[in-house]
PDB file of N, CA and C in Angstrom:
ATOM      1  N   MET A   1      20.240 -91.569 -85.047  1.00  0.00           N
ATOM      2  CA  MET A   1      20.206 -91.811 -86.476  1.00  0.00           C
ATOM      3  C   MET A   1      18.773 -92.121 -86.905  1.00  0.00           C
ATOM      4  N   ILE A   2      18.346 -91.561 -88.013  1.00  0.00           N
ATOM      5  CA  ILE A   2      16.984 -91.731 -88.504  1.00  0.00           C
ATOM      6  C   ILE A   2      16.944 -92.938 -89.437  1.00  0.00           C
ATOM      7  N   ALA A   3      15.982 -93.811 -89.209  1.00  0.00           N
ATOM      8  CA  ALA A   3      15.803 -94.956 -90.093  1.00  0.00           C
ATOM      9  C   ALA A   3      15.345 -94.459 -91.459  1.00  0.00           C
ATOM     10  N   VAL A   4      15.796 -95.110 -92.511  1.00  0.00           N
ATOM     11  CA  VAL A   4      15.463 -94.694 -93.871  1.00  0.00           C
ATOM     12  C   VAL A   4      13.948 -94.636 -94.064  1.00  0.00           C
ATOM     13  N   ASP A   5      13.224 -95.634 -93.578  1.00  0.00           N
ATOM     14  CA  ASP A   5      11.777 -95.664 -93.743  1.00  0.00           C
ATOM     15  C   ASP A   5      11.097 -94.515 -92.993  1.00  0.00           C
ATOM     16  N   GLU A   6      11.675 -94.091 -91.883  1.00  0.00           N
ATOM     17  CA  GLU A   6      11.097 -93.002 -91.098  1.00  0.00           C
ATOM     18  C   GLU A   6      11.267 -91.651 -91.768  1.00  0.00           C
ATOM     19  N   ASP A   7      12.232 -91.516 -92.674  1.00  0.00           N
ATOM     20  CA  ASP A   7      12.491 -90.216 -93.290  1.00  0.00           C
ATOM     21  C   ASP A   7      12.191 -90.221 -94.787  1.00  0.00           C
ATOM     22  N   ARG A   8      11.189 -90.981 -95.160  1.00  0.00           N
ATOM     23  CA  ARG A   8      10.792 -91.010 -96.565  1.00  0.00           C
ATOM     24  C   ARG A   8       9.959 -89.766 -96.873  1.00  0.00           C
ATOM     25  N   TRP A   9       9.754 -89.502 -98.164  1.00  0.00           N
ATOM     26  CA  TRP A   9       8.902 -88.396 -98.573  1.00  0.00           C
ATOM     27  C   TRP A   9       7.454 -88.745 -98.280  1.00  0.00           C
ATOM     28  N   ILE A  10       6.714 -87.792 -97.710  1.00  0.00           N
ATOM     29  CA  ILE A  10       5.301 -88.014 -97.402  1.00  0.00           C
ATOM     30  C   ILE A  10       4.451 -86.936 -98.070  1.00  0.00           C
ATOM     31  N   SER A  11       3.175 -87.240 -98.255  1.00  0.00           N
ATOM     32  CA  SER A  11       2.229 -86.338 -98.925  1.00  0.00           C
ATOM     33  C   SER A  11       1.672 -85.304 -97.948  1.00  0.00           C
ATOM     34  N   ILE A  12       0.890 -84.370 -98.483  1.00  0.00           N
ATOM     35  CA  ILE A  12       0.210 -83.384 -97.636  1.00  0.00           C
ATOM     36  C   ILE A  12      -0.696 -84.095 -96.632  1.00  0.00           C
ATOM     37  N   GLU A  13      -1.420 -85.101 -97.093  1.00  0.00           N
ATOM     38  CA  GLU A  13      -2.325 -85.836 -96.212  1.00  0.00           C
ATOM     39  C   GLU A  13      -1.557 -86.502 -95.069  1.00  0.00           C
ATOM     40  N   ASP A  14      -0.425 -87.130 -95.412  1.00  0.00           N
ATOM     41  CA  ASP A  14       0.394 -87.789 -94.390  1.00  0.00           C
ATOM     42  C   ASP A  14       1.012 -86.778 -93.430  1.00  0.00           C
ATOM     43  N   ALA A  15       1.448 -85.639 -93.973  1.00  0.00           N
ATOM     44  CA  ALA A  15       2.034 -84.595 -93.127  1.00  0.00           C
ATOM     45  C   ALA A  15       0.987 -84.035 -92.170  1.00  0.00           C
ATOM     46  N   ALA A  16      -0.224 -83.844 -92.666  1.00  0.00           N
ATOM     47  CA  ALA A  16      -1.314 -83.338 -91.822  1.00  0.00           C
ATOM     48  C   ALA A  16      -1.604 -84.319 -90.691  1.00  0.00           C
ATOM     49  N   ALA A  17      -1.682 -85.602 -91.018  1.00  0.00           N
ATOM     50  CA  ALA A  17      -1.938 -86.617 -89.998  1.00  0.00           C
ATOM     51  C   ALA A  17      -0.783 -86.667 -88.998  1.00  0.00           C
ATOM     52  N   TYR A  18       0.440 -86.572 -89.481  1.00  0.00           N
ATOM     53  CA  TYR A  18       1.628 -86.614 -88.623  1.00  0.00           C
ATOM     54  C   TYR A  18       1.639 -85.447 -87.633  1.00  0.00           C
ATOM     55  N   LEU A  19       1.238 -84.258 -88.114  1.00  0.00           N
ATOM     56  CA  LEU A  19       1.228 -83.064 -87.263  1.00  0.00           C
ATOM     57  C   LEU A  19      -0.084 -82.891 -86.500  1.00  0.00           C
ATOM     58  N   GLY A  20      -1.092 -83.685 -86.839  1.00  0.00           N
ATOM     59  CA  GLY A  20      -2.377 -83.603 -86.157  1.00  0.00           C
ATOM     60  C   GLY A  20      -3.185 -82.382 -86.546  1.00  0.00           C
ATOM     61  N   VAL A  21      -3.090 -81.988 -87.810  1.00  0.00           N
ATOM     62  CA  VAL A  21      -3.839 -80.840 -88.313  1.00  0.00           C
ATOM     63  C   VAL A  21      -4.582 -81.238 -89.578  1.00  0.00           C
ATOM     64  N   ASN A  22      -5.419 -80.346 -90.063  1.00  0.00           N
ATOM     65  CA  ASN A  22      -6.163 -80.546 -91.295  1.00  0.00           C
ATOM     66  C   ASN A  22      -5.243 -80.294 -92.485  1.00  0.00           C
ATOM     67  N   LYS A  23      -5.443 -81.006 -93.587  1.00  0.00           N
ATOM     68  CA  LYS A  23      -4.583 -80.795 -94.761  1.00  0.00           C
ATOM     69  C   LYS A  23      -4.731 -79.384 -95.328  1.00  0.00           C
ATOM     70  N   ASP A  24      -5.881 -78.744 -95.102  1.00  0.00           N
ATOM     71  CA  ASP A  24      -6.041 -77.353 -95.530  1.00  0.00           C
ATOM     72  C   ASP A  24      -5.111 -76.432 -94.746  1.00  0.00           C
ATOM     73  N   SER A  25      -4.824 -76.777 -93.493  1.00  0.00           N
ATOM     74  CA  SER A  25      -3.874 -75.992 -92.696  1.00  0.00           C
ATOM     75  C   SER A  25      -2.492 -76.058 -93.317  1.00  0.00           C
ATOM     76  N   ILE A  26      -2.100 -77.240 -93.780  1.00  0.00           N
ATOM     77  CA  ILE A  26      -0.795 -77.400 -94.430  1.00  0.00           C
ATOM     78  C   ILE A  26      -0.733 -76.524 -95.675  1.00  0.00           C
ATOM     79  N   ARG A  27      -1.781 -76.573 -96.480  1.00  0.00           N
ATOM     80  CA  ARG A  27      -1.814 -75.751 -97.708  1.00  0.00           C
ATOM     81  C   ARG A  27      -1.740 -74.258 -97.375  1.00  0.00           C
ATOM     82  N   ASN A  28      -2.453 -73.839 -96.332  1.00  0.00           N
ATOM     83  CA  ASN A  28      -2.410 -72.432 -95.923  1.00  0.00           C
ATOM     84  C   ASN A  28      -1.017 -72.035 -95.457  1.00  0.00           C
ATOM     85  N   TRP A  29      -0.341 -72.911 -94.726  1.00  0.00           N
ATOM     86  CA  TRP A  29       1.017 -72.612 -94.255  1.00  0.00           C
ATOM     87  C   TRP A  29       1.962 -72.448 -95.442  1.00  0.00           C
ATOM     88  N   ILE A  30       1.774 -73.261 -96.471  1.00  0.00           N
ATOM     89  CA  ILE A  30       2.613 -73.134 -97.668  1.00  0.00           C
ATOM     90  C   ILE A  30       2.357 -71.780 -98.324  1.00  0.00           C
ATOM     91  N   LYS A  31       1.079 -71.416 -98.484  1.00  0.00           N
ATOM     92  CA  LYS A  31       0.712 -70.144 -99.125  1.00  0.00           C
ATOM     93  C   LYS A  31       1.191 -68.936 -98.326  1.00  0.00           C
ATOM     94  N   LYS A  32       1.148 -69.028 -96.992  1.00  0.00           N
ATOM     95  CA  LYS A  32       1.500 -67.895 -96.133  1.00  0.00           C
ATOM     96  C   LYS A  32       3.001 -67.810 -95.856  1.00  0.00           C
ATOM     97  N   GLU A  33       3.778 -68.641 -96.542  1.00  0.00           N
ATOM     98  CA  GLU A  33       5.233 -68.615 -96.387  1.00  0.00           C
ATOM     99  C   GLU A  33       5.642 -68.743 -94.928  1.00  0.00           C
ATOM    100  N   SER A  34       5.102 -69.729 -94.254  1.00  0.00           N
ATOM    101  CA  SER A  34       5.396 -69.964 -92.845  1.00  0.00           C
ATOM    102  C   SER A  34       6.725 -70.674 -92.634  1.00  0.00           C
ATOM    103  N   GLU A  35       7.463 -70.851 -93.716  1.00  0.00           N
ATOM    104  CA  GLU A  35       8.743 -71.559 -93.692  1.00  0.00           C
ATOM    105  C   GLU A  35       8.581 -73.051 -93.427  1.00  0.00           C
ATOM    106  N   ILE A  36       7.362 -73.571 -93.633  1.00  0.00           N
ATOM    107  CA  ILE A  36       7.169 -75.010 -93.515  1.00  0.00           C
ATOM    108  C   ILE A  36       8.056 -75.672 -94.579  1.00  0.00           C
ATOM    109  N   PRO A  37       8.785 -76.705 -94.204  1.00  0.00           N
ATOM    110  CA  PRO A  37       9.715 -77.333 -95.152  1.00  0.00           C
ATOM    111  C   PRO A  37       8.996 -78.201 -96.181  1.00  0.00           C
ATOM    112  N   ALA A  38       8.397 -77.545 -97.162  1.00  0.00           N
ATOM    113  CA  ALA A  38       7.656 -78.225 -98.220  1.00  0.00           C
ATOM    114  C   ALA A  38       8.469 -78.191 -99.506  1.00  0.00           C
ATOM    115  N   HIS A  39       8.427 -79.278-100.232  1.00  0.00           N
ATOM    116  CA  HIS A  39       9.167 -79.396-101.488  1.00  0.00           C
ATOM    117  C   HIS A  39       8.189 -79.774-102.588  1.00  0.00           C
ATOM    118  N   LYS A  40       8.190 -79.012-103.667  1.00  0.00           N
ATOM    119  CA  LYS A  40       7.294 -79.309-104.790  1.00  0.00           C
ATOM    120  C   LYS A  40       8.000 -80.317-105.694  1.00  0.00           C
ATOM    121  N   ILE A  41       7.391 -81.472-105.830  1.00  0.00           N
ATOM    122  CA  ILE A  41       7.921 -82.523-106.696  1.00  0.00           C
ATOM    123  C   ILE A  41       6.851 -82.784-107.747  1.00  0.00           C
ATOM    124  N   GLY A  42       7.129 -82.348-108.962  1.00  0.00           N
ATOM    125  CA  GLY A  42       6.103 -82.394-110.000  1.00  0.00           C
ATOM    126  C   GLY A  42       5.003 -81.417-109.629  1.00  0.00           C
ATOM    127  N   LYS A  43       3.786 -81.905-109.526  1.00  0.00           N
ATOM    128  CA  LYS A  43       2.652 -81.060-109.143  1.00  0.00           C
ATOM    129  C   LYS A  43       2.254 -81.257-107.692  1.00  0.00           C
ATOM    130  N   GLN A  44       3.008 -82.072-106.967  1.00  0.00           N
ATOM    131  CA  GLN A  44       2.639 -82.395-105.591  1.00  0.00           C
ATOM    132  C   GLN A  44       3.632 -81.830-104.592  1.00  0.00           C
ATOM    133  N   TRP A  45       3.112 -81.470-103.421  1.00  0.00           N
ATOM    134  CA  TRP A  45       3.954 -81.046-102.313  1.00  0.00           C
ATOM    135  C   TRP A  45       4.344 -82.277-101.507  1.00  0.00           C
ATOM    136  N   LYS A  46       5.620 -82.364-101.153  1.00  0.00           N
ATOM    137  CA  LYS A  46       6.121 -83.491-100.363  1.00  0.00           C
ATOM    138  C   LYS A  46       6.903 -82.956 -99.167  1.00  0.00           C
ATOM    139  N   PHE A  47       7.012 -83.789 -98.151  1.00  0.00           N
ATOM    140  CA  PHE A  47       7.637 -83.400 -96.890  1.00  0.00           C
ATOM    141  C   PHE A  47       8.497 -84.536 -96.364  1.00  0.00           C
ATOM    142  N   LYS A  48       9.516 -84.189 -95.583  1.00  0.00           N
ATOM    143  CA  LYS A  48      10.313 -85.170 -94.848  1.00  0.00           C
ATOM    144  C   LYS A  48       9.935 -85.014 -93.383  1.00  0.00           C
ATOM    145  N   LYS A  49       9.667 -86.130 -92.707  1.00  0.00           N
ATOM    146  CA  LYS A  49       9.267 -86.072 -91.300  1.00  0.00           C
ATOM    147  C   LYS A  49      10.324 -85.373 -90.455  1.00  0.00           C
ATOM    148  N   SER A  50      11.596 -85.651 -90.722  1.00  0.00           N
ATOM    149  CA  SER A  50      12.662 -85.041 -89.922  1.00  0.00           C
ATOM    150  C   SER A  50      12.666 -83.519 -90.076  1.00  0.00           C
ATOM    151  N   GLU A  51      12.381 -83.026 -91.286  1.00  0.00           N
ATOM    152  CA  GLU A  51      12.324 -81.579 -91.511  1.00  0.00           C
ATOM    153  C   GLU A  51      11.108 -80.968 -90.818  1.00  0.00           C
ATOM    154  N   LEU A  52       9.988 -81.688 -90.820  1.00  0.00           N
ATOM    155  CA  LEU A  52       8.800 -81.206 -90.104  1.00  0.00           C
ATOM    156  C   LEU A  52       9.083 -81.132 -88.611  1.00  0.00           C
ATOM    157  N   ASP A  53       9.755 -82.145 -88.071  1.00  0.00           N
ATOM    158  CA  ASP A  53      10.110 -82.148 -86.649  1.00  0.00           C
ATOM    159  C   ASP A  53      10.978 -80.946 -86.298  1.00  0.00           C
ATOM    160  N   GLU A  54      11.976 -80.670 -87.123  1.00  0.00           N
ATOM    161  CA  GLU A  54      12.863 -79.527 -86.873  1.00  0.00           C
ATOM    162  C   GLU A  54      12.102 -78.211 -86.967  1.00  0.00           C
ATOM    163  N   TRP A  55      11.180 -78.104 -87.917  1.00  0.00           N
ATOM    164  CA  TRP A  55      10.374 -76.895 -88.094  1.00  0.00           C
ATOM    165  C   TRP A  55       9.533 -76.635 -86.849  1.00  0.00           C
ATOM    166  N   VAL A  56       8.922 -77.676 -86.315  1.00  0.00           N
ATOM    167  CA  VAL A  56       8.111 -77.527 -85.106  1.00  0.00           C
ATOM    168  C   VAL A  56       9.006 -77.154 -83.919  1.00  0.00           C
ATOM    169  N   LYS A  57      10.133 -77.842 -83.760  1.00  0.00           N
ATOM    170  CA  LYS A  57      11.055 -77.572 -82.648  1.00  0.00           C
ATOM    171  C   LYS A  57      11.614 -76.156 -82.703  1.00  0.00           C
ATOM    172  N   SER A  58      11.794 -75.619 -83.900  1.00  0.00           N
ATOM    173  CA  SER A  58      12.371 -74.286 -84.062  1.00  0.00           C
ATOM    174  C   SER A  58      11.420 -73.171 -83.625  1.00  0.00           C
ATOM    175  N   GLY A  59      10.128 -73.497 -83.510  1.00  0.00           N
ATOM    176  CA  GLY A  59       9.141 -72.496 -83.142  1.00  0.00           C
ATOM    177  C   GLY A  59       8.573 -71.743 -84.337  1.00  0.00           C
ATOM    178  N   LYS A  60       9.059 -72.038 -85.537  1.00  0.00           N
ATOM    179  CA  LYS A  60       8.573 -71.347 -86.726  1.00  0.00           C
ATOM    180  C   LYS A  60       7.151 -71.735 -87.080  1.00  0.00           C
ATOM    181  N   SER A  61       6.663 -72.837 -86.494  1.00  0.00           N
ATOM    182  CA  SER A  61       5.297 -73.262 -86.776  1.00  0.00           C
ATOM    183  C   SER A  61       4.276 -72.416 -86.011  1.00  0.00           C
ATOM    184  N   ALA A  62       4.735 -71.604 -85.075  1.00  0.00           N
ATOM    185  CA  ALA A  62       3.843 -70.778 -84.260  1.00  0.00           C
ATOM    186  C   ALA A  62       3.890 -69.327 -84.734  1.00  0.00           C
ATOM    187  N   PHE A  63       3.718 -69.122 -86.048  1.00  0.00           N
ATOM    188  CA  PHE A  63       3.782 -67.768 -86.589  1.00  0.00           C
ATOM    189  C   PHE A  63       2.475 -67.035 -86.379  1.00  0.00           C
ATOM    190  N   GLU A  64       2.548 -65.724 -86.419  1.00  0.00           N
ATOM    191  CA  GLU A  64       1.368 -64.873 -86.256  1.00  0.00           C
ATOM    192  C   GLU A  64       0.607 -64.805 -87.578  1.00  0.00           C
ATOM    193  N   LYS A  65      -0.695 -64.666 -87.512  1.00  0.00           N
ATOM    194  CA  LYS A  65      -1.532 -64.546 -88.716  1.00  0.00           C
ATOM    195  C   LYS A  65      -1.380 -63.181 -89.328  1.00  0.00           C
TER     196      LYS A  65
END
């Protein structure tokens, strides 16, 4: 079971730090339709850690350029 605090909405900066990549990489993945689980809330992109974990585990994060 995921703790509520662990599955809160996080920003691009937080998602980049969580995944160990540059925030520009996150933006590029969104633009390239890499199926990264990003949600647009207002003018900002937000992410759930659990969805990012599933995306990485699924292998969809290793797409070809």
